[in-house]
Amino acid sequence: MTTAAAELEMAERHDAAGRHDEAIGCLARATQAGDVEAKTRLAKRLIVGDRAPLLFRQGAGFMREAAQEGGAEAAALLAVLAA
């Protein structure tokens, strides 16, 4: 298992236990490691403030980066944001 995959798994465990700040930290580390899935998950949270601070601009920036890096879900969500 890659480091990014381990961080994603830990994020899910933290969320399940109600430790959302720790989950955000895991997603941020996986994002910094270049994981597109983590970047998309973090972006979604920031855009709507779901178990994360509401930071629309930063979330949209992460979503755009994830789409440019080949993330299919990110590209679809970015299209919705742009509509």
PDB file of N, CA and C in Angstrom:
ATOM      1  N   MET A   1       0.846  -1.178   0.000  1.00  0.00           N
ATOM      2  CA  MET A   1       0.000   0.000   0.000  1.00  0.00           C
ATOM      3  C   MET A   1       0.893   1.243   0.000  1.00  0.00           C
ATOM      4  N   THR A   2       0.544   2.186  -0.855  1.00  0.00           N
ATOM      5  CA  THR A   2       1.318   3.418  -0.925  1.00  0.00           C
ATOM      6  C   THR A   2       1.017   4.306   0.286  1.00  0.00           C
ATOM      7  N   THR A   3       1.871   5.267   0.484  1.00  0.00           N
ATOM      8  CA  THR A   3       1.658   6.213   1.578  1.00  0.00           C
ATOM      9  C   THR A   3       0.350   6.966   1.401  1.00  0.00           C
ATOM     10  N   ALA A   4       0.061   7.391   0.173  1.00  0.00           N
ATOM     11  CA  ALA A   4      -1.180   8.123  -0.085  1.00  0.00           C
ATOM     12  C   ALA A   4      -2.387   7.230   0.179  1.00  0.00           C
ATOM     13  N   ALA A   5      -2.323   5.980  -0.229  1.00  0.00           N
ATOM     14  CA  ALA A   5      -3.433   5.061   0.016  1.00  0.00           C
ATOM     15  C   ALA A   5      -3.633   4.844   1.509  1.00  0.00           C
ATOM     16  N   ALA A   6      -2.543   4.757   2.241  1.00  0.00           N
ATOM     17  CA  ALA A   6      -2.629   4.597   3.697  1.00  0.00           C
ATOM     18  C   ALA A   6      -3.263   5.833   4.326  1.00  0.00           C
ATOM     19  N   GLU A   7      -2.918   7.014   3.826  1.00  0.00           N
ATOM     20  CA  GLU A   7      -3.501   8.254   4.345  1.00  0.00           C
ATOM     21  C   GLU A   7      -5.000   8.304   4.059  1.00  0.00           C
ATOM     22  N   LEU A   8      -5.416   7.856   2.878  1.00  0.00           N
ATOM     23  CA  LEU A   8      -6.842   7.826   2.551  1.00  0.00           C
ATOM     24  C   LEU A   8      -7.587   6.889   3.499  1.00  0.00           C
ATOM     25  N   GLU A   9      -7.006   5.739   3.746  1.00  0.00           N
ATOM     26  CA  GLU A   9      -7.619   4.779   4.666  1.00  0.00           C
ATOM     27  C   GLU A   9      -7.723   5.358   6.077  1.00  0.00           C
ATOM     28  N   MET A  10      -6.660   6.011   6.512  1.00  0.00           N
ATOM     29  CA  MET A  10      -6.678   6.624   7.837  1.00  0.00           C
ATOM     30  C   MET A  10      -7.713   7.755   7.908  1.00  0.00           C
ATOM     31  N   ALA A  11      -7.864   8.503   6.834  1.00  0.00           N
ATOM     32  CA  ALA A  11      -8.866   9.570   6.801  1.00  0.00           C
ATOM     33  C   ALA A  11     -10.254   8.990   7.016  1.00  0.00           C
ATOM     34  N   GLU A  12     -10.543   7.871   6.374  1.00  0.00           N
ATOM     35  CA  GLU A  12     -11.841   7.227   6.542  1.00  0.00           C
ATOM     36  C   GLU A  12     -12.042   6.764   7.981  1.00  0.00           C
ATOM     37  N   ARG A  13     -11.002   6.209   8.574  1.00  0.00           N
ATOM     38  CA  ARG A  13     -11.093   5.753   9.966  1.00  0.00           C
ATOM     39  C   ARG A  13     -11.309   6.933  10.918  1.00  0.00           C
ATOM     40  N   HIS A  14     -10.576   8.012  10.692  1.00  0.00           N
ATOM     41  CA  HIS A  14     -10.740   9.204  11.532  1.00  0.00           C
ATOM     42  C   HIS A  14     -12.159   9.755  11.404  1.00  0.00           C
ATOM     43  N   ASP A  15     -12.669   9.822  10.175  1.00  0.00           N
ATOM     44  CA  ASP A  15     -14.036  10.316   9.978  1.00  0.00           C
ATOM     45  C   ASP A  15     -15.043   9.438  10.707  1.00  0.00           C
ATOM     46  N   ALA A  16     -14.878   8.136  10.595  1.00  0.00           N
ATOM     47  CA  ALA A  16     -15.808   7.213  11.238  1.00  0.00           C
ATOM     48  C   ALA A  16     -15.821   7.394  12.755  1.00  0.00           C
ATOM     49  N   ALA A  17     -14.678   7.793  13.292  1.00  0.00           N
ATOM     50  CA  ALA A  17     -14.559   8.008  14.737  1.00  0.00           C
ATOM     51  C   ALA A  17     -14.881   9.448  15.138  1.00  0.00           C
ATOM     52  N   GLY A  18     -15.259  10.275  14.172  1.00  0.00           N
ATOM     53  CA  GLY A  18     -15.597  11.660  14.474  1.00  0.00           C
ATOM     54  C   GLY A  18     -14.407  12.588  14.611  1.00  0.00           C
ATOM     55  N   ARG A  19     -13.225  12.129  14.212  1.00  0.00           N
ATOM     56  CA  ARG A  19     -12.008  12.956  14.291  1.00  0.00           C
ATOM     57  C   ARG A  19     -11.760  13.609  12.918  1.00  0.00           C
ATOM     58  N   HIS A  20     -12.600  14.569  12.600  1.00  0.00           N
ATOM     59  CA  HIS A  20     -12.578  15.143  11.257  1.00  0.00           C
ATOM     60  C   HIS A  20     -11.341  15.997  10.985  1.00  0.00           C
ATOM     61  N   ASP A  21     -10.821  16.671  12.003  1.00  0.00           N
ATOM     62  CA  ASP A  21      -9.593  17.454  11.803  1.00  0.00           C
ATOM     63  C   ASP A  21      -8.433  16.537  11.418  1.00  0.00           C
ATOM     64  N   GLU A  22      -8.354  15.385  12.070  1.00  0.00           N
ATOM     65  CA  GLU A  22      -7.296  14.426  11.741  1.00  0.00           C
ATOM     66  C   GLU A  22      -7.498  13.879  10.323  1.00  0.00           C
ATOM     67  N   ALA A  23      -8.762  13.666   9.952  1.00  0.00           N
ATOM     68  CA  ALA A  23      -9.057  13.181   8.599  1.00  0.00           C
ATOM     69  C   ALA A  23      -8.597  14.199   7.556  1.00  0.00           C
ATOM     70  N   ILE A  24      -8.856  15.477   7.819  1.00  0.00           N
ATOM     71  CA  ILE A  24      -8.415  16.532   6.900  1.00  0.00           C
ATOM     72  C   ILE A  24      -6.895  16.510   6.779  1.00  0.00           C
ATOM     73  N   GLY A  25      -6.208  16.308   7.890  1.00  0.00           N
ATOM     74  CA  GLY A  25      -4.747  16.223   7.855  1.00  0.00           C
ATOM     75  C   GLY A  25      -4.266  15.081   6.978  1.00  0.00           C
ATOM     76  N   CYS A  26      -4.920  13.940   7.081  1.00  0.00           N
ATOM     77  CA  CYS A  26      -4.558  12.791   6.241  1.00  0.00           C
ATOM     78  C   CYS A  26      -4.779  13.106   4.766  1.00  0.00           C
ATOM     79  N   LEU A  27      -5.922  13.705   4.458  1.00  0.00           N
ATOM     80  CA  LEU A  27      -6.204  14.068   3.063  1.00  0.00           C
ATOM     81  C   LEU A  27      -5.198  15.089   2.549  1.00  0.00           C
ATOM     82  N   ALA A  28      -4.814  16.037   3.395  1.00  0.00           N
ATOM     83  CA  ALA A  28      -3.835  17.051   2.990  1.00  0.00           C
ATOM     84  C   ALA A  28      -2.485  16.405   2.700  1.00  0.00           C
ATOM     85  N   ARG A  29      -2.065  15.460   3.543  1.00  0.00           N
ATOM     86  CA  ARG A  29      -0.779  14.789   3.303  1.00  0.00           C
ATOM     87  C   ARG A  29      -0.813  13.965   2.012  1.00  0.00           C
ATOM     88  N   ALA A  30      -1.908  13.277   1.780  1.00  0.00           N
ATOM     89  CA  ALA A  30      -2.026  12.487   0.549  1.00  0.00           C
ATOM     90  C   ALA A  30      -2.073  13.402  -0.671  1.00  0.00           C
ATOM     91  N   THR A  31      -2.720  14.560  -0.517  1.00  0.00           N
ATOM     92  CA  THR A  31      -2.766  15.548  -1.598  1.00  0.00           C
ATOM     93  C   THR A  31      -1.361  16.046  -1.915  1.00  0.00           C
ATOM     94  N   GLN A  32      -0.590  16.345  -0.875  1.00  0.00           N
ATOM     95  CA  GLN A  32       0.783  16.809  -1.074  1.00  0.00           C
ATOM     96  C   GLN A  32       1.649  15.734  -1.725  1.00  0.00           C
ATOM     97  N   ALA A  33       1.296  14.471  -1.502  1.00  0.00           N
ATOM     98  CA  ALA A  33       2.034  13.363  -2.115  1.00  0.00           C
ATOM     99  C   ALA A  33       1.613  13.136  -3.565  1.00  0.00           C
ATOM    100  N   GLY A  34       0.623  13.916  -4.035  1.00  0.00           N
ATOM    101  CA  GLY A  34       0.226  13.840  -5.434  1.00  0.00           C
ATOM    102  C   GLY A  34      -0.942  12.917  -5.729  1.00  0.00           C
ATOM    103  N   ASP A  35      -1.710  12.532  -4.711  1.00  0.00           N
ATOM    104  CA  ASP A  35      -2.829  11.620  -4.920  1.00  0.00           C
ATOM    105  C   ASP A  35      -4.061  12.397  -5.393  1.00  0.00           C
ATOM    106  N   VAL A  36      -4.533  12.081  -6.602  1.00  0.00           N
ATOM    107  CA  VAL A  36      -5.655  12.797  -7.207  1.00  0.00           C
ATOM    108  C   VAL A  36      -6.948  12.529  -6.448  1.00  0.00           C
ATOM    109  N   GLU A  37      -7.171  11.303  -6.004  1.00  0.00           N
ATOM    110  CA  GLU A  37      -8.378  10.976  -5.244  1.00  0.00           C
ATOM    111  C   GLU A  37      -8.439  11.785  -3.954  1.00  0.00           C
ATOM    112  N   ALA A  38      -7.325  11.863  -3.254  1.00  0.00           N
ATOM    113  CA  ALA A  38      -7.284  12.642  -2.013  1.00  0.00           C
ATOM    114  C   ALA A  38      -7.542  14.116  -2.297  1.00  0.00           C
ATOM    115  N   LYS A  39      -6.968  14.621  -3.367  1.00  0.00           N
ATOM    116  CA  LYS A  39      -7.160  16.031  -3.723  1.00  0.00           C
ATOM    117  C   LYS A  39      -8.628  16.303  -4.027  1.00  0.00           C
ATOM    118  N   THR A  40      -9.281  15.365  -4.704  1.00  0.00           N
ATOM    119  CA  THR A  40     -10.702  15.515  -5.021  1.00  0.00           C
ATOM    120  C   THR A  40     -11.544  15.481  -3.755  1.00  0.00           C
ATOM    121  N   ARG A  41     -11.262  14.534  -2.858  1.00  0.00           N
ATOM    122  CA  ARG A  41     -12.014  14.441  -1.604  1.00  0.00           C
ATOM    123  C   ARG A  41     -11.840  15.693  -0.754  1.00  0.00           C
ATOM    124  N   LEU A  42     -10.617  16.170  -0.670  1.00  0.00           N
ATOM    125  CA  LEU A  42     -10.354  17.381   0.107  1.00  0.00           C
ATOM    126  C   LEU A  42     -11.071  18.574  -0.521  1.00  0.00           C
ATOM    127  N   ALA A  43     -11.025  18.669  -1.836  1.00  0.00           N
ATOM    128  CA  ALA A  43     -11.684  19.770  -2.541  1.00  0.00           C
ATOM    129  C   ALA A  43     -13.180  19.782  -2.258  1.00  0.00           C
ATOM    130  N   LYS A  44     -13.815  18.615  -2.345  1.00  0.00           N
ATOM    131  CA  LYS A  44     -15.257  18.544  -2.100  1.00  0.00           C
ATOM    132  C   LYS A  44     -15.599  19.031  -0.701  1.00  0.00           C
ATOM    133  N   ARG A  45     -14.816  18.638   0.269  1.00  0.00           N
ATOM    134  CA  ARG A  45     -15.073  19.059   1.649  1.00  0.00           C
ATOM    135  C   ARG A  45     -14.940  20.567   1.798  1.00  0.00           C
ATOM    136  N   LEU A  46     -13.892  21.122   1.221  1.00  0.00           N
ATOM    137  CA  LEU A  46     -13.648  22.561   1.364  1.00  0.00           C
ATOM    138  C   LEU A  46     -14.688  23.393   0.627  1.00  0.00           C
ATOM    139  N   ILE A  47     -15.152  22.909  -0.495  1.00  0.00           N
ATOM    140  CA  ILE A  47     -16.121  23.656  -1.293  1.00  0.00           C
ATOM    141  C   ILE A  47     -17.439  23.824  -0.544  1.00  0.00           C
ATOM    142  N   VAL A  48     -17.870  22.788   0.169  1.00  0.00           N
ATOM    143  CA  VAL A  48     -19.166  22.860   0.855  1.00  0.00           C
ATOM    144  C   VAL A  48     -19.047  22.957   2.372  1.00  0.00           C
ATOM    145  N   GLY A  49     -17.841  22.888   2.904  1.00  0.00           N
ATOM    146  CA  GLY A  49     -17.656  22.957   4.347  1.00  0.00           C
ATOM    147  C   GLY A  49     -18.127  21.702   5.059  1.00  0.00           C
ATOM    148  N   ASP A  50     -17.986  20.560   4.402  1.00  0.00           N
ATOM    149  CA  ASP A  50     -18.407  19.279   4.966  1.00  0.00           C
ATOM    150  C   ASP A  50     -17.291  18.681   5.817  1.00  0.00           C
ATOM    151  N   ARG A  51     -17.463  18.716   7.124  1.00  0.00           N
ATOM    152  CA  ARG A  51     -16.467  18.206   8.064  1.00  0.00           C
ATOM    153  C   ARG A  51     -15.109  18.859   7.825  1.00  0.00           C
ATOM    154  N   ALA A  52     -15.170  20.115   7.423  1.00  0.00           N
ATOM    155  CA  ALA A  52     -13.982  20.911   7.096  1.00  0.00           C
ATOM    156  C   ALA A  52     -14.402  22.373   7.089  1.00  0.00           C
ATOM    157  N   PRO A  53     -13.436  23.271   7.148  1.00  0.00           N
ATOM    158  CA  PRO A  53     -13.807  24.686   7.021  1.00  0.00           C
ATOM    159  C   PRO A  53     -14.339  24.968   5.615  1.00  0.00           C
ATOM    160  N   LEU A  54     -15.226  25.910   5.499  1.00  0.00           N
ATOM    161  CA  LEU A  54     -15.766  26.324   4.207  1.00  0.00           C
ATOM    162  C   LEU A  54     -14.744  27.253   3.545  1.00  0.00           C
ATOM    163  N   LEU A  55     -14.028  26.711   2.590  1.00  0.00           N
ATOM    164  CA  LEU A  55     -12.991  27.463   1.870  1.00  0.00           C
ATOM    165  C   LEU A  55     -13.191  27.221   0.376  1.00  0.00           C
ATOM    166  N   PHE A  56     -14.208  27.878  -0.179  1.00  0.00           N
ATOM    167  CA  PHE A  56     -14.609  27.611  -1.558  1.00  0.00           C
ATOM    168  C   PHE A  56     -13.469  27.801  -2.557  1.00  0.00           C
ATOM    169  N   ARG A  57     -12.787  28.922  -2.474  1.00  0.00           N
ATOM    170  CA  ARG A  57     -11.728  29.210  -3.461  1.00  0.00           C
ATOM    171  C   ARG A  57     -10.618  28.166  -3.444  1.00  0.00           C
ATOM    172  N   GLN A  58     -10.173  27.793  -2.251  1.00  0.00           N
ATOM    173  CA  GLN A  58      -9.113  26.791  -2.135  1.00  0.00           C
ATOM    174  C   GLN A  58      -9.615  25.433  -2.629  1.00  0.00           C
ATOM    175  N   GLY A  59     -10.849  25.103  -2.262  1.00  0.00           N
ATOM    176  CA  GLY A  59     -11.425  23.842  -2.718  1.00  0.00           C
ATOM    177  C   GLY A  59     -11.552  23.790  -4.232  1.00  0.00           C
ATOM    178  N   ALA A  60     -12.014  24.881  -4.824  1.00  0.00           N
ATOM    179  CA  ALA A  60     -12.141  24.939  -6.284  1.00  0.00           C
ATOM    180  C   ALA A  60     -10.772  24.828  -6.946  1.00  0.00           C
ATOM    181  N   GLY A  61      -9.765  25.423  -6.329  1.00  0.00           N
ATOM    182  CA  GLY A  61      -8.403  25.316  -6.863  1.00  0.00           C
ATOM    183  C   GLY A  61      -7.906  23.877  -6.841  1.00  0.00           C
ATOM    184  N   PHE A  62      -8.142  23.187  -5.730  1.00  0.00           N
ATOM    185  CA  PHE A  62      -7.760  21.768  -5.651  1.00  0.00           C
ATOM    186  C   PHE A  62      -8.536  20.947  -6.680  1.00  0.00           C
ATOM    187  N   MET A  63      -9.822  21.261  -6.867  1.00  0.00           N
ATOM    188  CA  MET A  63     -10.642  20.521  -7.829  1.00  0.00           C
ATOM    189  C   MET A  63     -10.101  20.718  -9.241  1.00  0.00           C
ATOM    190  N   ARG A  64      -9.722  21.949  -9.562  1.00  0.00           N
ATOM    191  CA  ARG A  64      -9.160  22.242 -10.887  1.00  0.00           C
ATOM    192  C   ARG A  64      -7.854  21.474 -11.090  1.00  0.00           C
ATOM    193  N   GLU A  65      -6.999  21.472 -10.067  1.00  0.00           N
ATOM    194  CA  GLU A  65      -5.731  20.729 -10.160  1.00  0.00           C
ATOM    195  C   GLU A  65      -5.986  19.234 -10.348  1.00  0.00           C
ATOM    196  N   ALA A  66      -6.931  18.686  -9.576  1.00  0.00           N
ATOM    197  CA  ALA A  66      -7.230  17.257  -9.688  1.00  0.00           C
ATOM    198  C   ALA A  66      -7.745  16.918 -11.084  1.00  0.00           C
ATOM    199  N   ALA A  67      -8.574  17.784 -11.651  1.00  0.00           N
ATOM    200  CA  ALA A  67      -9.080  17.558 -13.005  1.00  0.00           C
ATOM    201  C   ALA A  67      -7.940  17.609 -14.019  1.00  0.00           C
ATOM    202  N   GLN A  68      -7.035  18.569 -13.861  1.00  0.00           N
ATOM    203  CA  GLN A  68      -5.896  18.689 -14.775  1.00  0.00           C
ATOM    204  C   GLN A  68      -4.950  17.492 -14.661  1.00  0.00           C
ATOM    205  N   GLU A  69      -4.961  16.853 -13.492  1.00  0.00           N
ATOM    206  CA  GLU A  69      -4.103  15.691 -13.263  1.00  0.00           C
ATOM    207  C   GLU A  69      -4.779  14.383 -13.659  1.00  0.00           C
ATOM    208  N   GLY A  70      -5.950  14.478 -14.288  1.00  0.00           N
ATOM    209  CA  GLY A  70      -6.610  13.286 -14.808  1.00  0.00           C
ATOM    210  C   GLY A  70      -7.740  12.731 -13.973  1.00  0.00           C
ATOM    211  N   GLY A  71      -8.154  13.427 -12.938  1.00  0.00           N
ATOM    212  CA  GLY A  71      -9.248  12.948 -12.101  1.00  0.00           C
ATOM    213  C   GLY A  71     -10.587  13.100 -12.799  1.00  0.00           C
ATOM    214  N   ALA A  72     -11.230  11.974 -13.109  1.00  0.00           N
ATOM    215  CA  ALA A  72     -12.509  12.003 -13.828  1.00  0.00           C
ATOM    216  C   ALA A  72     -13.607  12.634 -12.973  1.00  0.00           C
ATOM    217  N   GLU A  73     -13.691  12.247 -11.707  1.00  0.00           N
ATOM    218  CA  GLU A  73     -14.707  12.824 -10.828  1.00  0.00           C
ATOM    219  C   GLU A  73     -14.472  14.317 -10.673  1.00  0.00           C
ATOM    220  N   ALA A  74     -13.233  14.707 -10.520  1.00  0.00           N
ATOM    221  CA  ALA A  74     -12.906  16.121 -10.374  1.00  0.00           C
ATOM    222  C   ALA A  74     -13.318  16.900 -11.616  1.00  0.00           C
ATOM    223  N   ALA A  75     -13.087  16.350 -12.790  1.00  0.00           N
ATOM    224  CA  ALA A  75     -13.466  17.027 -14.034  1.00  0.00           C
ATOM    225  C   ALA A  75     -14.977  17.199 -14.115  1.00  0.00           C
ATOM    226  N   ALA A  76     -15.710  16.162 -13.729  1.00  0.00           N
ATOM    227  CA  ALA A  76     -17.168  16.244 -13.762  1.00  0.00           C
ATOM    228  C   ALA A  76     -17.694  17.286 -12.773  1.00  0.00           C
ATOM    229  N   LEU A  77     -17.141  17.286 -11.570  1.00  0.00           N
ATOM    230  CA  LEU A  77     -17.578  18.247 -10.558  1.00  0.00           C
ATOM    231  C   LEU A  77     -17.174  19.675 -10.935  1.00  0.00           C
ATOM    232  N   LEU A  78     -16.019  19.809 -11.541  1.00  0.00           N
ATOM    233  CA  LEU A  78     -15.586  21.135 -11.989  1.00  0.00           C
ATOM    234  C   LEU A  78     -16.531  21.683 -13.043  1.00  0.00           C
ATOM    235  N   ALA A  79     -17.027  20.810 -13.929  1.00  0.00           N
ATOM    236  CA  ALA A  79     -17.991  21.228 -14.937  1.00  0.00           C
ATOM    237  C   ALA A  79     -19.272  21.729 -14.288  1.00  0.00           C
ATOM    238  N   VAL A  80     -19.688  21.072 -13.225  1.00  0.00           N
ATOM    239  CA  VAL A  80     -20.895  21.495 -12.506  1.00  0.00           C
ATOM    240  C   VAL A  80     -20.654  22.856 -11.848  1.00  0.00           C
ATOM    241  N   LEU A  81     -19.493  23.031 -11.262  1.00  0.00           N
ATOM    242  CA  LEU A  81     -19.182  24.314 -10.631  1.00  0.00           C
ATOM    243  C   LEU A  81     -19.170  25.452 -11.642  1.00  0.00           C
ATOM    244  N   ALA A  82     -18.719  25.157 -12.836  1.00  0.00           N
ATOM    245  CA  ALA A  82     -18.597  26.181 -13.870  1.00  0.00           C
ATOM    246  C   ALA A  82     -19.933  26.512 -14.521  1.00  0.00           C
ATOM    247  N   ALA A  83     -20.909  25.614 -14.384  1.00  0.00           N
ATOM    248  CA  ALA A  83     -22.217  25.808 -15.055  1.00  0.00           C
ATOM    249  C   ALA A  83     -23.015  26.913 -14.417  1.00  0.00           C
TER     250      ALA A  83
END
